[in-house]
């Protein structure tokens, strides 16, 4: 089960994938609500696969997070 993360940052965009929230913060950093992944990038990759989103392994965390959020919200 996902461990909730409370953020005080203002976010631009967010998406929920399988009960896990992904935020793009106002400073363009990316956060995910499940802290059980070894890194944010690993979490984003796993969530991308769950959502059926194909990503480029060379993308940065910010690129992957922003594109994943847009993909999920455009469905």
PDB file of N, CA and C in Angstrom:
ATOM      1  N   UNK A   1       0.839  -1.182   0.000  1.00  0.00           N
ATOM      2  CA  UNK A   1       0.000   0.000   0.000  1.00  0.00           C
ATOM      3  C   UNK A   1       0.886   1.247   0.000  1.00  0.00           C
ATOM      4  N   UNK A   2       0.461   2.256  -0.721  1.00  0.00           N
ATOM      5  CA  UNK A   2       1.230   3.494  -0.847  1.00  0.00           C
ATOM      6  C   UNK A   2       1.248   4.260   0.471  1.00  0.00           C
ATOM      7  N   UNK A   3       2.419   4.768   0.818  1.00  0.00           N
ATOM      8  CA  UNK A   3       2.554   5.624   1.986  1.00  0.00           C
ATOM      9  C   UNK A   3       2.288   7.055   1.543  1.00  0.00           C
ATOM     10  N   UNK A   4       1.297   7.720   2.141  1.00  0.00           N
ATOM     11  CA  UNK A   4       0.993   9.077   1.688  1.00  0.00           C
ATOM     12  C   UNK A   4       2.112  10.058   2.020  1.00  0.00           C
ATOM     13  N   UNK A   5       2.313  10.990   1.129  1.00  0.00           N
ATOM     14  CA  UNK A   5       3.294  12.045   1.318  1.00  0.00           C
ATOM     15  C   UNK A   5       2.544  13.367   1.337  1.00  0.00           C
ATOM     16  N   UNK A   6       2.815  14.177   2.342  1.00  0.00           N
ATOM     17  CA  UNK A   6       2.170  15.483   2.430  1.00  0.00           C
ATOM     18  C   UNK A   6       3.160  16.505   1.900  1.00  0.00           C
ATOM     19  N   UNK A   7       2.716  17.285   0.927  1.00  0.00           N
ATOM     20  CA  UNK A   7       3.592  18.297   0.357  1.00  0.00           C
ATOM     21  C   UNK A   7       3.010  19.679   0.627  1.00  0.00           C
ATOM     22  N   UNK A   8       3.886  20.629   0.939  1.00  0.00           N
ATOM     23  CA  UNK A   8       3.434  21.992   1.157  1.00  0.00           C
ATOM     24  C   UNK A   8       3.683  22.835  -0.076  1.00  0.00           C
ATOM     25  N   UNK A   9       4.242  22.221  -1.113  1.00  0.00           N
ATOM     26  CA  UNK A   9       4.523  22.947  -2.337  1.00  0.00           C
ATOM     27  C   UNK A   9       3.247  23.152  -3.134  1.00  0.00           C
ATOM     28  N   UNK A  10       3.230  24.203  -3.909  1.00  0.00           N
ATOM     29  CA  UNK A  10       2.116  24.448  -4.805  1.00  0.00           C
ATOM     30  C   UNK A  10       2.383  23.692  -6.094  1.00  0.00           C
ATOM     31  N   UNK A  11       1.413  22.916  -6.535  1.00  0.00           N
ATOM     32  CA  UNK A  11       1.639  22.139  -7.748  1.00  0.00           C
ATOM     33  C   UNK A  11       0.945  22.769  -8.948  1.00  0.00           C
ATOM     34  N   UNK A  12       1.541  22.534 -10.130  1.00  0.00           N
ATOM     35  CA  UNK A  12       0.972  22.988 -11.396  1.00  0.00           C
ATOM     36  C   UNK A  12      -0.038  21.981 -11.910  1.00  0.00           C
ATOM     37  N   UNK A  13       0.373  20.720 -11.886  1.00  0.00           N
ATOM     38  CA  UNK A  13      -0.439  19.635 -12.442  1.00  0.00           C
ATOM     39  C   UNK A  13      -0.293  18.417 -11.543  1.00  0.00           C
ATOM     40  N   UNK A  14      -1.288  17.540 -11.598  1.00  0.00           N
ATOM     41  CA  UNK A  14      -1.170  16.271 -10.899  1.00  0.00           C
ATOM     42  C   UNK A  14      -1.981  15.230 -11.646  1.00  0.00           C
ATOM     43  N   UNK A  15      -1.647  13.968 -11.418  1.00  0.00           N
ATOM     44  CA  UNK A  15      -2.380  12.842 -11.986  1.00  0.00           C
ATOM     45  C   UNK A  15      -2.341  11.712 -10.974  1.00  0.00           C
ATOM     46  N   UNK A  16      -3.372  10.874 -11.020  1.00  0.00           N
ATOM     47  CA  UNK A  16      -3.442   9.719 -10.133  1.00  0.00           C
ATOM     48  C   UNK A  16      -3.406   8.458 -10.990  1.00  0.00           C
ATOM     49  N   UNK A  17      -2.474   7.569 -10.670  1.00  0.00           N
ATOM     50  CA  UNK A  17      -2.294   6.313 -11.402  1.00  0.00           C
ATOM     51  C   UNK A  17      -2.325   5.182 -10.384  1.00  0.00           C
ATOM     52  N   UNK A  18      -3.350   4.366 -10.439  1.00  0.00           N
ATOM     53  CA  UNK A  18      -3.440   3.234  -9.515  1.00  0.00           C
ATOM     54  C   UNK A  18      -3.365   3.635  -8.056  1.00  0.00           C
ATOM     55  N   UNK A  19      -3.937   4.753  -7.699  1.00  0.00           N
ATOM     56  CA  UNK A  19      -3.928   5.219  -6.317  1.00  0.00           C
ATOM     57  C   UNK A  19      -2.694   5.993  -5.909  1.00  0.00           C
ATOM     58  N   UNK A  20      -1.752   6.168  -6.820  1.00  0.00           N
ATOM     59  CA  UNK A  20      -0.519   6.924  -6.541  1.00  0.00           C
ATOM     60  C   UNK A  20      -0.621   8.278  -7.250  1.00  0.00           C
ATOM     61  N   UNK A  21      -0.369   9.347  -6.523  1.00  0.00           N
ATOM     62  CA  UNK A  21      -0.430  10.689  -7.102  1.00  0.00           C
ATOM     63  C   UNK A  21       0.954  11.128  -7.554  1.00  0.00           C
ATOM     64  N   UNK A  22       0.992  11.727  -8.742  1.00  0.00           N
ATOM     65  CA  UNK A  22       2.218  12.322  -9.290  1.00  0.00           C
ATOM     66  C   UNK A  22       1.956  13.816  -9.406  1.00  0.00           C
ATOM     67  N   UNK A  23       2.835  14.629  -8.839  1.00  0.00           N
ATOM     68  CA  UNK A  23       2.701  16.078  -8.889  1.00  0.00           C
ATOM     69  C   UNK A  23       3.839  16.702  -9.677  1.00  0.00           C
ATOM     70  N   UNK A  24       3.497  17.734 -10.476  1.00  0.00           N
ATOM     71  CA  UNK A  24       4.514  18.635 -11.018  1.00  0.00           C
ATOM     72  C   UNK A  24       4.371  19.904 -10.200  1.00  0.00           C
ATOM     73  N   UNK A  25       5.377  20.214  -9.408  1.00  0.00           N
ATOM     74  CA  UNK A  25       5.329  21.367  -8.517  1.00  0.00           C
ATOM     75  C   UNK A  25       5.575  22.669  -9.267  1.00  0.00           C
ATOM     76  N   UNK A  26       5.284  23.768  -8.616  1.00  0.00           N
ATOM     77  CA  UNK A  26       5.440  25.082  -9.245  1.00  0.00           C
ATOM     78  C   UNK A  26       6.880  25.363  -9.650  1.00  0.00           C
ATOM     79  N   UNK A  27       7.837  24.675  -9.007  1.00  0.00           N
ATOM     80  CA  UNK A  27       9.250  24.845  -9.388  1.00  0.00           C
ATOM     81  C   UNK A  27       9.681  23.793 -10.427  1.00  0.00           C
ATOM     82  N   UNK A  28       8.693  23.070 -10.998  1.00  0.00           N
ATOM     83  CA  UNK A  28       8.869  22.034 -12.019  1.00  0.00           C
ATOM     84  C   UNK A  28       9.458  20.727 -11.488  1.00  0.00           C
ATOM     85  N   UNK A  29       9.719  20.642 -10.180  1.00  0.00           N
ATOM     86  CA  UNK A  29      10.165  19.369  -9.626  1.00  0.00           C
ATOM     87  C   UNK A  29       8.985  18.396  -9.641  1.00  0.00           C
ATOM     88  N   UNK A  30       9.284  17.114  -9.572  1.00  0.00           N
ATOM     89  CA  UNK A  30       8.269  16.068  -9.627  1.00  0.00           C
ATOM     90  C   UNK A  30       8.294  15.293  -8.316  1.00  0.00           C
ATOM     91  N   UNK A  31       7.119  14.991  -7.787  1.00  0.00           N
ATOM     92  CA  UNK A  31       6.990  14.178  -6.583  1.00  0.00           C
ATOM     93  C   UNK A  31       5.958  13.094  -6.839  1.00  0.00           C
ATOM     94  N   UNK A  32       6.111  11.981  -6.133  1.00  0.00           N
ATOM     95  CA  UNK A  32       5.103  10.929  -6.171  1.00  0.00           C
ATOM     96  C   UNK A  32       4.715  10.590  -4.733  1.00  0.00           C
ATOM     97  N   UNK A  33       3.459  10.164  -4.554  1.00  0.00           N
ATOM     98  CA  UNK A  33       2.959   9.930  -3.201  1.00  0.00           C
ATOM     99  C   UNK A  33       3.414   8.609  -2.606  1.00  0.00           C
ATOM    100  N   UNK A  34       3.929   7.691  -3.407  1.00  0.00           N
ATOM    101  CA  UNK A  34       4.384   6.397  -2.901  1.00  0.00           C
ATOM    102  C   UNK A  34       5.892   6.444  -2.700  1.00  0.00           C
ATOM    103  N   UNK A  35       6.320   6.367  -1.458  1.00  0.00           N
ATOM    104  CA  UNK A  35       7.744   6.449  -1.139  1.00  0.00           C
ATOM    105  C   UNK A  35       8.424   5.088  -1.133  1.00  0.00           C
ATOM    106  N   UNK A  36       7.737   4.051  -1.584  1.00  0.00           N
ATOM    107  CA  UNK A  36       8.305   2.705  -1.579  1.00  0.00           C
ATOM    108  C   UNK A  36       9.195   2.423  -2.782  1.00  0.00           C
ATOM    109  N   UNK A  37       9.280   3.337  -3.725  1.00  0.00           N
ATOM    110  CA  UNK A  37      10.171   3.167  -4.870  1.00  0.00           C
ATOM    111  C   UNK A  37      11.574   3.616  -4.482  1.00  0.00           C
ATOM    112  N   UNK A  38      12.622   3.031  -5.081  1.00  0.00           N
ATOM    113  CA  UNK A  38      13.991   3.423  -4.724  1.00  0.00           C
ATOM    114  C   UNK A  38      14.335   4.855  -5.134  1.00  0.00           C
ATOM    115  N   UNK A  39      13.595   5.396  -6.112  1.00  0.00           N
ATOM    116  CA  UNK A  39      13.808   6.783  -6.538  1.00  0.00           C
ATOM    117  C   UNK A  39      12.539   7.270  -7.220  1.00  0.00           C
ATOM    118  N   UNK A  40      12.436   8.570  -7.395  1.00  0.00           N
ATOM    119  CA  UNK A  40      11.282   9.139  -8.104  1.00  0.00           C
ATOM    120  C   UNK A  40      11.269   8.621  -9.543  1.00  0.00           C
ATOM    121  N   UNK A  41      12.428   8.567 -10.171  1.00  0.00           N
ATOM    122  CA  UNK A  41      12.498   8.098 -11.562  1.00  0.00           C
ATOM    123  C   UNK A  41      12.019   6.654 -11.676  1.00  0.00           C
ATOM    124  N   UNK A  42      12.435   5.801 -10.745  1.00  0.00           N
ATOM    125  CA  UNK A  42      11.985   4.407 -10.763  1.00  0.00           C
ATOM    126  C   UNK A  42      10.472   4.333 -10.577  1.00  0.00           C
ATOM    127  N   UNK A  43       9.942   5.155  -9.706  1.00  0.00           N
ATOM    128  CA  UNK A  43       8.500   5.194  -9.493  1.00  0.00           C
ATOM    129  C   UNK A  43       7.763   5.654 -10.734  1.00  0.00           C
ATOM    130  N   UNK A  44       8.275   6.684 -11.386  1.00  0.00           N
ATOM    131  CA  UNK A  44       7.642   7.193 -12.603  1.00  0.00           C
ATOM    132  C   UNK A  44       7.668   6.145 -13.708  1.00  0.00           C
ATOM    133  N   UNK A  45       8.765   5.418 -13.810  1.00  0.00           N
ATOM    134  CA  UNK A  45       8.854   4.368 -14.834  1.00  0.00           C
ATOM    135  C   UNK A  45       7.840   3.267 -14.568  1.00  0.00           C
ATOM    136  N   UNK A  46       7.725   2.847 -13.309  1.00  0.00           N
ATOM    137  CA  UNK A  46       6.760   1.804 -12.957  1.00  0.00           C
ATOM    138  C   UNK A  46       5.328   2.292 -13.194  1.00  0.00           C
ATOM    139  N   UNK A  47       5.048   3.525 -12.842  1.00  0.00           N
ATOM    140  CA  UNK A  47       3.713   4.080 -13.052  1.00  0.00           C
ATOM    141  C   UNK A  47       3.418   4.251 -14.540  1.00  0.00           C
ATOM    142  N   UNK A  48       4.441   4.583 -15.326  1.00  0.00           N
ATOM    143  CA  UNK A  48       4.268   4.698 -16.778  1.00  0.00           C
ATOM    144  C   UNK A  48       3.841   3.361 -17.365  1.00  0.00           C
ATOM    145  N   UNK A  49       4.507   2.307 -16.930  1.00  0.00           N
ATOM    146  CA  UNK A  49       4.162   0.971 -17.421  1.00  0.00           C
ATOM    147  C   UNK A  49       2.742   0.597 -17.018  1.00  0.00           C
ATOM    148  N   UNK A  50       2.358   0.938 -15.796  1.00  0.00           N
ATOM    149  CA  UNK A  50       1.008   0.650 -15.312  1.00  0.00           C
ATOM    150  C   UNK A  50      -0.040   1.402 -16.140  1.00  0.00           C
ATOM    151  N   UNK A  51       0.291   2.643 -16.547  1.00  0.00           N
ATOM    152  CA  UNK A  51      -0.646   3.477 -17.308  1.00  0.00           C
ATOM    153  C   UNK A  51      -0.601   3.184 -18.804  1.00  0.00           C
ATOM    154  N   UNK A  52       0.346   2.362 -19.253  1.00  0.00           N
ATOM    155  CA  UNK A  52       0.468   2.088 -20.683  1.00  0.00           C
ATOM    156  C   UNK A  52       1.135   3.213 -21.452  1.00  0.00           C
ATOM    157  N   UNK A  53       1.989   3.977 -20.768  1.00  0.00           N
ATOM    158  CA  UNK A  53       2.683   5.110 -21.374  1.00  0.00           C
ATOM    159  C   UNK A  53       4.109   4.697 -21.728  1.00  0.00           C
ATOM    160  N   UNK A  54       4.466   4.891 -22.990  1.00  0.00           N
ATOM    161  CA  UNK A  54       5.833   4.571 -23.429  1.00  0.00           C
ATOM    162  C   UNK A  54       6.728   5.786 -23.207  1.00  0.00           C
ATOM    163  N   UNK A  55       7.837   5.567 -22.547  1.00  0.00           N
ATOM    164  CA  UNK A  55       8.760   6.662 -22.225  1.00  0.00           C
ATOM    165  C   UNK A  55      10.136   6.375 -22.805  1.00  0.00           C
ATOM    166  N   UNK A  56      10.896   7.422 -22.945  1.00  0.00           N
ATOM    167  CA  UNK A  56      12.283   7.334 -23.403  1.00  0.00           C
ATOM    168  C   UNK A  56      13.158   7.185 -22.152  1.00  0.00           C
ATOM    169  N   UNK A  57      13.968   6.146 -22.043  1.00  0.00           N
ATOM    170  CA  UNK A  57      14.788   5.960 -20.842  1.00  0.00           C
ATOM    171  C   UNK A  57      15.790   7.098 -20.600  1.00  0.00           C
ATOM    172  N   UNK A  58      16.030   7.920 -21.603  1.00  0.00           N
ATOM    173  CA  UNK A  58      16.951   9.042 -21.436  1.00  0.00           C
ATOM    174  C   UNK A  58      16.275  10.294 -20.886  1.00  0.00           C
ATOM    175  N   UNK A  59      14.948  10.293 -20.758  1.00  0.00           N
ATOM    176  CA  UNK A  59      14.264  11.464 -20.218  1.00  0.00           C
ATOM    177  C   UNK A  59      14.670  11.699 -18.770  1.00  0.00           C
ATOM    178  N   UNK A  60      14.702  12.971 -18.383  1.00  0.00           N
ATOM    179  CA  UNK A  60      14.948  13.337 -16.985  1.00  0.00           C
ATOM    180  C   UNK A  60      13.673  13.088 -16.184  1.00  0.00           C
ATOM    181  N   UNK A  61      13.787  13.170 -14.880  1.00  0.00           N
ATOM    182  CA  UNK A  61      12.619  13.024 -14.008  1.00  0.00           C
ATOM    183  C   UNK A  61      11.561  14.061 -14.381  1.00  0.00           C
ATOM    184  N   UNK A  62      11.994  15.305 -14.624  1.00  0.00           N
ATOM    185  CA  UNK A  62      11.040  16.358 -14.951  1.00  0.00           C
ATOM    186  C   UNK A  62      10.341  16.083 -16.281  1.00  0.00           C
ATOM    187  N   UNK A  63      11.089  15.638 -17.282  1.00  0.00           N
ATOM    188  CA  UNK A  63      10.481  15.337 -18.579  1.00  0.00           C
ATOM    189  C   UNK A  63       9.486  14.185 -18.451  1.00  0.00           C
ATOM    190  N   UNK A  64       9.903  13.117 -17.810  1.00  0.00           N
ATOM    191  CA  UNK A  64       9.046  11.946 -17.672  1.00  0.00           C
ATOM    192  C   UNK A  64       7.802  12.280 -16.862  1.00  0.00           C
ATOM    193  N   UNK A  65       7.985  12.966 -15.749  1.00  0.00           N
ATOM    194  CA  UNK A  65       6.842  13.320 -14.901  1.00  0.00           C
ATOM    195  C   UNK A  65       5.835  14.189 -15.622  1.00  0.00           C
ATOM    196  N   UNK A  66       6.314  15.215 -16.290  1.00  0.00           N
ATOM    197  CA  UNK A  66       5.419  16.142 -16.999  1.00  0.00           C
ATOM    198  C   UNK A  66       4.656  15.406 -18.106  1.00  0.00           C
ATOM    199  N   UNK A  67       5.344  14.583 -18.872  1.00  0.00           N
ATOM    200  CA  UNK A  67       4.705  13.869 -19.984  1.00  0.00           C
ATOM    201  C   UNK A  67       3.743  12.800 -19.481  1.00  0.00           C
ATOM    202  N   UNK A  68       4.091  12.144 -18.394  1.00  0.00           N
ATOM    203  CA  UNK A  68       3.204  11.127 -17.816  1.00  0.00           C
ATOM    204  C   UNK A  68       1.921  11.778 -17.297  1.00  0.00           C
ATOM    205  N   UNK A  69       2.046  12.883 -16.593  1.00  0.00           N
ATOM    206  CA  UNK A  69       0.867  13.593 -16.101  1.00  0.00           C
ATOM    207  C   UNK A  69      -0.035  14.001 -17.256  1.00  0.00           C
ATOM    208  N   UNK A  70       0.551  14.555 -18.316  1.00  0.00           N
ATOM    209  CA  UNK A  70      -0.239  14.980 -19.477  1.00  0.00           C
ATOM    210  C   UNK A  70      -0.920  13.784 -20.121  1.00  0.00           C
ATOM    211  N   UNK A  71      -0.215  12.658 -20.246  1.00  0.00           N
ATOM    212  CA  UNK A  71      -0.778  11.448 -20.845  1.00  0.00           C
ATOM    213  C   UNK A  71      -1.986  10.962 -20.051  1.00  0.00           C
ATOM    214  N   UNK A  72      -1.835  10.875 -18.753  1.00  0.00           N
ATOM    215  CA  UNK A  72      -2.922  10.375 -17.897  1.00  0.00           C
ATOM    216  C   UNK A  72      -4.121  11.329 -17.918  1.00  0.00           C
ATOM    217  N   UNK A  73      -3.865  12.604 -17.850  1.00  0.00           N
ATOM    218  CA  UNK A  73      -4.958  13.574 -17.814  1.00  0.00           C
ATOM    219  C   UNK A  73      -5.657  13.736 -19.165  1.00  0.00           C
ATOM    220  N   UNK A  74      -4.989  13.380 -20.250  1.00  0.00           N
ATOM    221  CA  UNK A  74      -5.597  13.490 -21.591  1.00  0.00           C
ATOM    222  C   UNK A  74      -6.410  12.265 -21.967  1.00  0.00           C
ATOM    223  N   UNK A  75      -6.356  11.217 -21.158  1.00  0.00           N
ATOM    224  CA  UNK A  75      -7.093   9.989 -21.473  1.00  0.00           C
ATOM    225  C   UNK A  75      -8.572  10.238 -21.449  1.00  0.00           C
TER     226      UNK A  75
END
